[in-house]
Amino acid sequence: MPRKETIRRARRAAREGKAPSTQAGEFVREEIERIRRGEHGARSAKQAIAIGLSKARRAGVKLPPPRKGRVTERTRKSAEYAYEAGQGKRRPRRQPRVKRAVSRVLKREPKDTVSPSALSRQARGAARRRSAASRSAAARKAAQTKGRAGRVAAARKAARTRARRSG
């Protein structure tokens, strides 16, 4: 259950017209604090973020579930359920046994997965994936707009650059 303070901050962000991901950030921050305090652990920084996002969806933040193909079907379904519960479209069935089981498992997980260095690794990886995707898109576009001679010239230039940088 998120703290009242977290919900209050998220609502304020919503009133100020900030993006749903910004509102959800409050819940992620709270989850990271909980792990650092030792209330429970997480297998990875990604899992800690996922738990925070799920709590945000359940609390009513309008953060839609990821599109098909972005994550596993199981993760997407889980996000969908959380979103619907938060939007009042679904009555969450309380299952104390499941909650106890999840809590027990999380308590055994490591606590150092949300250290500042671990979180920065997580963020760096995401940024690298984004930039790599845009770079390859730019390369495809460049290849389409050049003629054969242009592609050959670009390849020669790239080879020269690689040679200069490597030695």
Foldseek 3Di string as FASTA:
>chain_A
DDDPVLLVQLVVCVVVVHALVVSLVSLLVVLLVCLLVLQFADQANVRSSLVSNLVSLQCQRQDQADDPPPDDPVSSVSSNVSNCNSNVNDPDDDDVVVVVVVSVVRSPHHSCNSPPVNVVVVVVVVVVVVVVVVVVVVVVVVVVPDDPVVVVVVVVVVVVVVVVVVD
